[in-house]
């Protein structure tokens, strides 16, 4: 007689064991499942003019049949400041949440003083959820900061 055992070991992994009653042999298979919260790991804003503010939108998806609450996100400051608006919020089953981020681009002088590579502003922002096993999701935010041109001047590259 064979026995089938199916268990969710940890959110994101299933364990399936087949065992023979008359033998001490068991075959166990592990495979990943879709995580309950899908969020991009890197958000590149492209080029942003120094000293300006932009408001990119980050999409967070719920892949489960249950609502998931995004309880908040930390503010990230260092090479540019980022913060999320409109949180906390509930993501409906199989739905999406659009989160507006706010980014204030630093001056190029500030970036260069902090030894930023290639004038890139980068930070990591962590989003927090009530999904068991997936309470934290980091997102790397990055952009290239470009100089602002003064009215009446021409760009050197023109």
N, C-alpha and C. Protein backbone atom coordinates (compact mmCIF):
# COMPACT_ATOMS: atom_id res chain seq x y z
N UNK A 1 0.83 -1.17 0.00
CA UNK A 1 0.00 0.00 0.00
C UNK A 1 0.89 1.25 0.00
N UNK A 2 0.56 2.19 -0.82
CA UNK A 2 1.35 3.42 -0.93
C UNK A 2 0.65 4.56 -0.20
N UNK A 3 1.46 5.46 0.31
CA UNK A 3 0.91 6.61 1.02
C UNK A 3 1.42 7.88 0.32
N UNK A 4 0.55 8.83 0.13
CA UNK A 4 0.91 10.10 -0.49
C UNK A 4 0.80 11.17 0.57
N UNK A 5 1.85 11.96 0.69
CA UNK A 5 1.86 13.04 1.68
C UNK A 5 2.24 14.32 0.97
N UNK A 6 1.40 15.32 1.05
CA UNK A 6 1.63 16.60 0.42
C UNK A 6 1.60 17.67 1.51
N UNK A 7 2.64 18.46 1.59
CA UNK A 7 2.72 19.45 2.65
C UNK A 7 3.37 20.72 2.14
N UNK A 8 2.95 21.83 2.68
CA UNK A 8 3.60 23.10 2.37
C UNK A 8 4.57 23.37 3.51
N UNK A 9 5.86 23.18 3.22
CA UNK A 9 6.91 23.31 4.23
C UNK A 9 7.10 24.78 4.62
N UNK A 10 7.17 25.62 3.64
CA UNK A 10 7.43 27.04 3.82
C UNK A 10 6.73 27.72 2.66
N UNK A 11 6.23 28.91 2.85
CA UNK A 11 5.55 29.60 1.75
C UNK A 11 6.51 29.64 0.57
N UNK A 12 6.10 29.10 -0.56
CA UNK A 12 6.95 29.11 -1.73
C UNK A 12 7.55 27.76 -2.06
N UNK A 13 7.39 26.74 -1.21
CA UNK A 13 7.94 25.42 -1.49
C UNK A 13 6.93 24.36 -1.09
N UNK A 14 6.73 23.38 -1.96
CA UNK A 14 5.87 22.24 -1.64
C UNK A 14 6.73 21.01 -1.45
N UNK A 15 6.31 20.13 -0.56
CA UNK A 15 7.00 18.87 -0.31
C UNK A 15 6.01 17.76 -0.61
N UNK A 16 6.37 16.84 -1.48
CA UNK A 16 5.54 15.70 -1.83
C UNK A 16 6.34 14.45 -1.50
N UNK A 17 5.80 13.59 -0.65
CA UNK A 17 6.49 12.36 -0.28
C UNK A 17 5.63 11.17 -0.66
N UNK A 18 6.25 10.19 -1.27
CA UNK A 18 5.62 8.91 -1.58
C UNK A 18 6.37 7.87 -0.75
N UNK A 19 5.65 7.11 0.05
CA UNK A 19 6.31 6.14 0.91
C UNK A 19 5.58 4.80 0.81
N UNK A 20 6.34 3.73 0.87
CA UNK A 20 5.76 2.39 0.91
C UNK A 20 5.61 1.96 2.36
N UNK A 21 4.44 1.43 2.69
CA UNK A 21 4.19 1.00 4.07
C UNK A 21 5.13 -0.14 4.47
N UNK A 22 5.39 -1.07 3.55
CA UNK A 22 6.21 -2.25 3.86
C UNK A 22 7.70 -1.99 3.78
N UNK A 23 8.09 -0.82 3.31
CA UNK A 23 9.51 -0.53 3.18
C UNK A 23 9.84 0.77 3.91
N UNK A 24 11.09 0.97 4.13
CA UNK A 24 11.54 2.19 4.79
C UNK A 24 12.02 3.20 3.76
N UNK A 25 11.56 3.07 2.53
CA UNK A 25 11.99 3.95 1.46
C UNK A 25 10.93 5.02 1.22
N UNK A 26 11.38 6.25 1.12
CA UNK A 26 10.48 7.35 0.81
C UNK A 26 11.13 8.20 -0.27
N UNK A 27 10.35 8.66 -1.18
CA UNK A 27 10.83 9.57 -2.22
C UNK A 27 10.17 10.91 -1.97
N UNK A 28 10.99 11.93 -1.79
CA UNK A 28 10.46 13.27 -1.53
C UNK A 28 10.89 14.21 -2.64
N UNK A 29 9.97 14.98 -3.13
CA UNK A 29 10.25 15.94 -4.19
C UNK A 29 9.95 17.34 -3.68
N UNK A 30 10.83 18.26 -3.95
CA UNK A 30 10.63 19.66 -3.59
C UNK A 30 10.51 20.47 -4.88
N UNK A 31 9.58 21.39 -4.93
CA UNK A 31 9.53 22.32 -6.05
C UNK A 31 8.96 23.65 -5.60
N UNK A 32 9.44 24.71 -6.23
CA UNK A 32 8.97 26.04 -5.83
C UNK A 32 7.55 26.31 -6.34
N UNK A 33 6.84 27.12 -5.61
CA UNK A 33 5.53 27.59 -6.05
C UNK A 33 5.63 29.10 -6.25
N UNK A 34 4.61 29.66 -6.82
CA UNK A 34 4.60 31.10 -7.05
C UNK A 34 4.55 31.82 -5.71
N UNK A 35 5.44 32.81 -5.48
CA UNK A 35 5.37 33.55 -4.22
C UNK A 35 4.06 34.33 -4.14
N UNK A 36 3.55 34.57 -2.95
CA UNK A 36 2.28 35.26 -2.81
C UNK A 36 2.34 36.73 -3.23
N UNK A 37 3.50 37.35 -3.09
CA UNK A 37 3.66 38.76 -3.45
C UNK A 37 4.74 38.85 -4.52
N UNK A 38 4.39 39.46 -5.65
CA UNK A 38 5.36 39.64 -6.73
C UNK A 38 5.61 41.13 -6.88
N UNK A 39 6.88 41.49 -6.76
CA UNK A 39 7.29 42.89 -6.84
C UNK A 39 8.64 42.91 -7.55
N UNK A 40 8.85 43.86 -8.44
CA UNK A 40 10.13 43.87 -9.16
C UNK A 40 11.26 44.17 -8.19
N UNK A 41 12.41 43.54 -8.44
CA UNK A 41 13.53 43.70 -7.51
C UNK A 41 14.35 44.96 -7.78
N UNK A 42 14.27 45.50 -9.02
CA UNK A 42 14.99 46.72 -9.36
C UNK A 42 14.04 47.64 -10.12
N UNK A 43 13.99 48.90 -9.70
CA UNK A 43 13.22 49.92 -10.40
C UNK A 43 14.20 50.99 -10.84
N UNK A 44 14.49 51.04 -12.16
CA UNK A 44 15.42 52.03 -12.71
C UNK A 44 14.61 53.17 -13.30
N UNK A 45 14.82 54.37 -12.78
CA UNK A 45 14.07 55.55 -13.22
C UNK A 45 14.67 56.20 -14.45
N UNK A 46 15.78 55.66 -14.95
CA UNK A 46 16.43 56.27 -16.11
C UNK A 46 17.21 57.50 -15.70
N UNK A 47 17.10 58.57 -16.48
CA UNK A 47 17.79 59.83 -16.19
C UNK A 47 16.84 60.79 -15.47
N UNK A 48 17.34 61.39 -14.39
CA UNK A 48 16.56 62.36 -13.63
C UNK A 48 17.44 63.60 -13.44
N UNK A 49 16.86 64.77 -13.69
CA UNK A 49 17.60 66.03 -13.56
C UNK A 49 17.84 66.32 -12.07
N UNK A 50 19.07 66.70 -11.75
CA UNK A 50 19.43 66.99 -10.35
C UNK A 50 18.49 68.02 -9.75
N UNK A 51 18.14 67.80 -8.47
CA UNK A 51 17.30 68.74 -7.76
C UNK A 51 15.82 68.67 -8.09
N UNK A 52 15.41 67.73 -8.93
CA UNK A 52 13.98 67.62 -9.27
C UNK A 52 13.34 66.46 -8.51
N UNK A 53 12.03 66.45 -8.53
CA UNK A 53 11.27 65.39 -7.90
C UNK A 53 10.52 64.62 -8.98
N UNK A 54 10.50 63.31 -8.86
CA UNK A 54 9.72 62.48 -9.77
C UNK A 54 8.87 61.54 -8.94
N UNK A 55 7.80 61.03 -9.54
CA UNK A 55 6.89 60.13 -8.84
C UNK A 55 6.65 58.88 -9.68
N UNK A 56 7.58 57.94 -9.65
CA UNK A 56 7.37 56.69 -10.37
C UNK A 56 6.31 55.84 -9.66
N UNK A 57 5.74 54.90 -10.40
CA UNK A 57 4.73 54.00 -9.84
C UNK A 57 5.28 52.58 -9.85
N UNK A 58 5.18 51.91 -8.72
CA UNK A 58 5.62 50.53 -8.57
C UNK A 58 4.38 49.65 -8.47
N UNK A 59 4.35 48.55 -9.23
CA UNK A 59 3.22 47.63 -9.20
C UNK A 59 3.57 46.42 -8.34
N UNK A 60 2.67 46.09 -7.41
CA UNK A 60 2.83 44.92 -6.55
C UNK A 60 1.65 44.00 -6.84
N UNK A 61 1.93 42.71 -7.10
CA UNK A 61 0.86 41.76 -7.43
C UNK A 61 0.67 40.75 -6.30
N UNK A 62 -0.58 40.38 -6.09
CA UNK A 62 -0.98 39.34 -5.15
C UNK A 62 -1.35 38.12 -5.99
N UNK A 63 -0.65 37.00 -5.82
CA UNK A 63 -0.91 35.80 -6.62
C UNK A 63 -1.78 34.79 -5.87
N UNK A 64 -2.36 35.18 -4.74
CA UNK A 64 -3.15 34.25 -3.94
C UNK A 64 -4.64 34.57 -4.02
N UNK A 65 -5.44 33.67 -3.47
CA UNK A 65 -6.90 33.86 -3.43
C UNK A 65 -7.34 34.61 -2.17
N UNK A 66 -6.38 35.10 -1.40
CA UNK A 66 -6.67 35.85 -0.18
C UNK A 66 -6.13 37.28 -0.31
N UNK A 67 -6.78 38.25 0.30
CA UNK A 67 -6.22 39.60 0.28
C UNK A 67 -4.91 39.64 1.08
N UNK A 68 -3.98 40.46 0.62
CA UNK A 68 -2.71 40.66 1.32
C UNK A 68 -2.57 42.15 1.59
N UNK A 69 -2.16 42.47 2.77
CA UNK A 69 -2.01 43.87 3.17
C UNK A 69 -0.54 44.29 3.07
N UNK A 70 -0.30 45.37 2.35
CA UNK A 70 1.02 45.99 2.33
C UNK A 70 0.98 47.01 3.46
N UNK A 71 1.67 46.72 4.55
CA UNK A 71 1.55 47.54 5.75
C UNK A 71 2.41 48.79 5.70
N UNK A 72 3.39 48.84 4.79
CA UNK A 72 4.20 50.03 4.67
C UNK A 72 5.52 49.76 3.99
N UNK A 73 6.34 50.80 3.91
CA UNK A 73 7.67 50.70 3.32
C UNK A 73 8.57 51.68 4.06
N UNK A 74 9.83 51.29 4.18
CA UNK A 74 10.76 52.21 4.83
C UNK A 74 11.17 53.30 3.86
N UNK A 75 11.55 54.44 4.40
CA UNK A 75 12.07 55.51 3.56
C UNK A 75 13.55 55.26 3.37
N UNK A 76 14.01 55.49 2.17
CA UNK A 76 15.41 55.25 1.85
C UNK A 76 16.08 56.57 1.51
N UNK A 77 17.06 56.95 2.29
CA UNK A 77 17.84 58.14 1.99
C UNK A 77 19.32 57.76 2.01
N UNK A 78 20.07 58.41 1.25
CA UNK A 78 21.49 58.14 1.11
C UNK A 78 21.91 58.84 -0.15
N UNK A 79 21.93 58.12 -1.27
CA UNK A 79 22.20 58.72 -2.56
C UNK A 79 20.85 59.02 -3.22
N UNK A 80 20.16 60.00 -2.68
CA UNK A 80 18.81 60.34 -3.13
C UNK A 80 17.80 59.78 -2.15
N UNK A 81 16.68 60.45 -1.98
CA UNK A 81 15.66 60.00 -1.02
C UNK A 81 14.42 59.49 -1.74
N UNK A 82 13.94 58.34 -1.28
CA UNK A 82 12.74 57.73 -1.81
C UNK A 82 11.78 57.50 -0.66
N UNK A 83 10.48 57.65 -0.89
CA UNK A 83 9.49 57.15 0.05
C UNK A 83 8.22 56.79 -0.72
N UNK A 84 7.42 55.91 -0.11
CA UNK A 84 6.20 55.42 -0.73
C UNK A 84 5.00 56.15 -0.16
N UNK A 85 4.00 56.38 -1.00
CA UNK A 85 2.77 57.03 -0.57
C UNK A 85 1.64 56.02 -0.63
N UNK A 86 0.50 56.39 -0.05
CA UNK A 86 -0.73 55.59 -0.12
C UNK A 86 -0.64 54.24 0.59
N UNK A 87 0.22 54.12 1.60
CA UNK A 87 0.32 52.88 2.37
C UNK A 87 -0.05 53.18 3.81
N UNK A 88 -0.64 52.24 4.51
CA UNK A 88 -0.91 50.85 4.16
C UNK A 88 -2.08 50.73 3.17
N UNK A 89 -2.12 49.57 2.48
CA UNK A 89 -3.18 49.30 1.52
C UNK A 89 -3.35 47.79 1.39
N UNK A 90 -4.54 47.39 0.97
CA UNK A 90 -4.84 45.97 0.77
C UNK A 90 -4.78 45.64 -0.71
N UNK A 91 -4.11 44.54 -1.04
CA UNK A 91 -4.06 44.06 -2.41
C UNK A 91 -5.11 42.96 -2.52
N UNK A 92 -6.10 43.12 -3.39
CA UNK A 92 -7.17 42.12 -3.49
C UNK A 92 -6.64 40.78 -4.03
N UNK A 93 -7.38 39.70 -3.81
CA UNK A 93 -6.97 38.40 -4.35
C UNK A 93 -6.71 38.49 -5.86
N UNK A 94 -5.58 37.97 -6.28
CA UNK A 94 -5.15 37.98 -7.69
C UNK A 94 -5.13 39.39 -8.28
N UNK A 95 -4.99 40.39 -7.45
CA UNK A 95 -5.03 41.77 -7.90
C UNK A 95 -3.68 42.45 -7.84
N UNK A 96 -3.69 43.73 -8.13
CA UNK A 96 -2.48 44.55 -8.13
C UNK A 96 -2.68 45.79 -7.28
N UNK A 97 -1.58 46.28 -6.77
CA UNK A 97 -1.56 47.55 -6.05
C UNK A 97 -0.53 48.43 -6.74
N UNK A 98 -0.93 49.62 -7.12
CA UNK A 98 -0.02 50.60 -7.70
C UNK A 98 0.39 51.55 -6.58
N UNK A 99 1.69 51.56 -6.26
CA UNK A 99 2.22 52.40 -5.19
C UNK A 99 3.00 53.54 -5.81
N UNK A 100 2.61 54.76 -5.48
CA UNK A 100 3.34 55.93 -5.95
C UNK A 100 4.54 56.15 -5.05
N UNK A 101 5.71 56.24 -5.67
CA UNK A 101 6.93 56.53 -4.94
C UNK A 101 7.29 57.99 -5.18
N UNK A 102 7.97 58.58 -4.27
CA UNK A 102 8.46 59.93 -4.41
C UNK A 102 9.97 59.87 -4.35
N UNK A 103 10.62 60.52 -5.31
CA UNK A 103 12.08 60.55 -5.34
C UNK A 103 12.54 61.98 -5.54
N UNK A 104 13.41 62.42 -4.65
CA UNK A 104 14.05 63.73 -4.77
C UNK A 104 15.48 63.53 -5.21
N UNK A 105 15.79 63.91 -6.44
CA UNK A 105 17.15 63.71 -6.97
C UNK A 105 18.13 64.66 -6.28
N UNK A 106 19.24 64.14 -5.81
CA UNK A 106 20.24 64.99 -5.16
C UNK A 106 21.00 65.80 -6.20
N UNK A 107 21.81 66.72 -5.72
CA UNK A 107 22.68 67.47 -6.64
C UNK A 107 23.83 66.57 -7.07
N UNK A 108 24.40 66.88 -8.21
CA UNK A 108 25.56 66.10 -8.68
C UNK A 108 26.74 66.27 -7.73
N UNK A 109 26.91 67.48 -7.16
CA UNK A 109 27.99 67.69 -6.20
C UNK A 109 27.85 66.76 -5.01
N UNK A 110 26.64 66.60 -4.50
CA UNK A 110 26.38 65.71 -3.37
C UNK A 110 26.72 64.27 -3.73
N UNK A 111 26.31 63.85 -4.92
CA UNK A 111 26.63 62.48 -5.36
C UNK A 111 28.13 62.26 -5.46
N UNK A 112 28.82 63.23 -6.01
CA UNK A 112 30.27 63.09 -6.20
C UNK A 112 31.00 63.11 -4.86
N UNK A 113 30.51 63.90 -3.91
CA UNK A 113 31.11 63.90 -2.57
C UNK A 113 30.95 62.54 -1.90
N UNK A 114 29.87 61.88 -2.20
CA UNK A 114 29.61 60.55 -1.61
C UNK A 114 30.16 59.42 -2.47
N UNK A 115 30.92 59.78 -3.48
CA UNK A 115 31.60 58.81 -4.34
C UNK A 115 30.63 57.90 -5.10
N UNK A 116 29.54 58.47 -5.58
CA UNK A 116 28.59 57.69 -6.38
C UNK A 116 29.24 57.31 -7.70
N UNK A 117 29.01 56.11 -8.13
CA UNK A 117 29.59 55.62 -9.38
C UNK A 117 28.73 56.10 -10.54
N UNK A 118 29.36 56.74 -11.51
CA UNK A 118 28.69 57.18 -12.73
C UNK A 118 27.49 58.08 -12.44
N UNK A 119 27.57 58.89 -11.37
CA UNK A 119 26.49 59.81 -10.98
C UNK A 119 25.14 59.11 -10.81
N UNK A 120 25.18 57.90 -10.27
CA UNK A 120 23.94 57.12 -10.06
C UNK A 120 23.48 57.26 -8.62
N UNK A 121 22.20 57.58 -8.47
CA UNK A 121 21.56 57.58 -7.15
C UNK A 121 20.97 56.19 -6.96
N UNK A 122 21.31 55.54 -5.86
CA UNK A 122 20.81 54.19 -5.60
C UNK A 122 20.44 54.05 -4.13
N UNK A 123 19.36 53.34 -3.90
CA UNK A 123 18.91 53.02 -2.55
C UNK A 123 18.13 51.72 -2.60
N UNK A 124 17.99 51.12 -1.44
CA UNK A 124 17.13 49.96 -1.33
C UNK A 124 15.99 50.30 -0.39
N UNK A 125 14.79 50.04 -0.84
CA UNK A 125 13.59 50.31 -0.05
C UNK A 125 12.92 48.96 0.22
N UNK A 126 12.52 48.73 1.47
CA UNK A 126 11.89 47.46 1.83
C UNK A 126 10.40 47.68 2.05
N UNK A 127 9.59 46.83 1.41
CA UNK A 127 8.15 46.86 1.58
C UNK A 127 7.77 45.73 2.53
N UNK A 128 6.77 45.98 3.38
CA UNK A 128 6.36 45.02 4.41
C UNK A 128 4.93 44.57 4.16
N UNK A 129 4.70 43.24 4.29
CA UNK A 129 3.41 42.63 4.01
C UNK A 129 2.98 41.73 5.16
N UNK A 130 1.70 41.40 5.20
CA UNK A 130 1.21 40.47 6.21
C UNK A 130 1.13 39.04 5.66
N UNK A 131 1.75 38.77 4.52
CA UNK A 131 1.76 37.44 3.92
C UNK A 131 2.75 36.55 4.67
N UNK A 132 2.26 35.47 5.22
CA UNK A 132 3.09 34.54 6.00
C UNK A 132 4.30 34.10 5.18
N UNK A 133 5.46 34.25 5.75
CA UNK A 133 6.69 33.84 5.08
C UNK A 133 7.25 34.85 4.09
N UNK A 134 6.50 35.89 3.80
CA UNK A 134 6.96 36.90 2.84
C UNK A 134 6.66 38.28 3.39
N UNK A 135 7.09 38.53 4.60
CA UNK A 135 6.78 39.80 5.26
C UNK A 135 7.60 40.96 4.74
N UNK A 136 8.75 40.69 4.11
CA UNK A 136 9.64 41.76 3.64
C UNK A 136 10.04 41.51 2.20
N UNK A 137 9.98 42.56 1.39
CA UNK A 137 10.42 42.47 0.00
C UNK A 137 11.25 43.71 -0.31
N UNK A 138 12.55 43.55 -0.57
CA UNK A 138 13.38 44.71 -0.92
C UNK A 138 13.26 45.06 -2.40
N UNK A 139 13.36 46.35 -2.70
CA UNK A 139 13.37 46.84 -4.07
C UNK A 139 14.54 47.81 -4.18
N UNK A 140 15.40 47.60 -5.17
CA UNK A 140 16.52 48.51 -5.41
C UNK A 140 16.02 49.61 -6.34
N UNK A 141 16.18 50.85 -5.92
CA UNK A 141 15.77 52.01 -6.71
C UNK A 141 17.02 52.71 -7.21
N UNK A 142 17.05 53.02 -8.49
CA UNK A 142 18.25 53.59 -9.07
C UNK A 142 17.90 54.56 -10.21
N UNK A 143 18.79 55.51 -10.45
CA UNK A 143 18.66 56.41 -11.60
C UNK A 143 20.00 57.08 -11.84
N UNK A 144 20.16 57.63 -13.02
CA UNK A 144 21.33 58.44 -13.34
C UNK A 144 20.92 59.89 -13.18
N UNK A 145 21.64 60.63 -12.37
CA UNK A 145 21.34 62.04 -12.16
C UNK A 145 22.11 62.84 -13.21
N UNK A 146 21.38 63.71 -13.90
CA UNK A 146 22.00 64.53 -14.95
C UNK A 146 21.92 66.00 -14.54
N UNK A 147 22.83 66.83 -15.07
CA UNK A 147 22.84 68.25 -14.68
C UNK A 147 21.64 68.99 -15.25
N UNK A 148 21.19 69.98 -14.49
CA UNK A 148 20.13 70.83 -15.02
C UNK A 148 20.78 71.93 -15.85
N UNK A 149 20.10 72.31 -16.89
CA UNK A 149 20.63 73.39 -17.73
C UNK A 149 19.89 74.66 -17.37
N UNK A 150 20.64 75.72 -17.26
CA UNK A 150 20.08 77.03 -16.93
C UNK A 150 19.44 77.62 -18.17
N UNK A 151 18.36 78.37 -18.00
CA UNK A 151 17.75 79.04 -19.17
C UNK A 151 18.77 79.93 -19.87
N UNK A 152 18.79 79.87 -21.17
CA UNK A 152 19.69 80.73 -21.93
C UNK A 152 21.07 80.12 -22.14
N UNK A 153 21.34 78.93 -21.59
CA UNK A 153 22.63 78.28 -21.81
C UNK A 153 22.42 77.09 -22.71
N UNK A 154 23.50 76.63 -23.32
CA UNK A 154 23.41 75.46 -24.18
C UNK A 154 24.17 74.33 -23.53
N UNK A 155 23.73 73.15 -23.81
CA UNK A 155 24.38 71.95 -23.30
C UNK A 155 25.72 71.79 -24.00
N UNK A 156 26.77 71.39 -23.28
CA UNK A 156 28.10 71.20 -23.86
C UNK A 156 28.09 70.10 -24.91
N UNK A 157 27.17 69.14 -24.79
CA UNK A 157 27.14 68.02 -25.73
C UNK A 157 26.37 68.36 -27.01
N UNK A 158 25.80 69.54 -27.10
CA UNK A 158 25.00 69.91 -28.29
C UNK A 158 25.90 70.28 -29.43
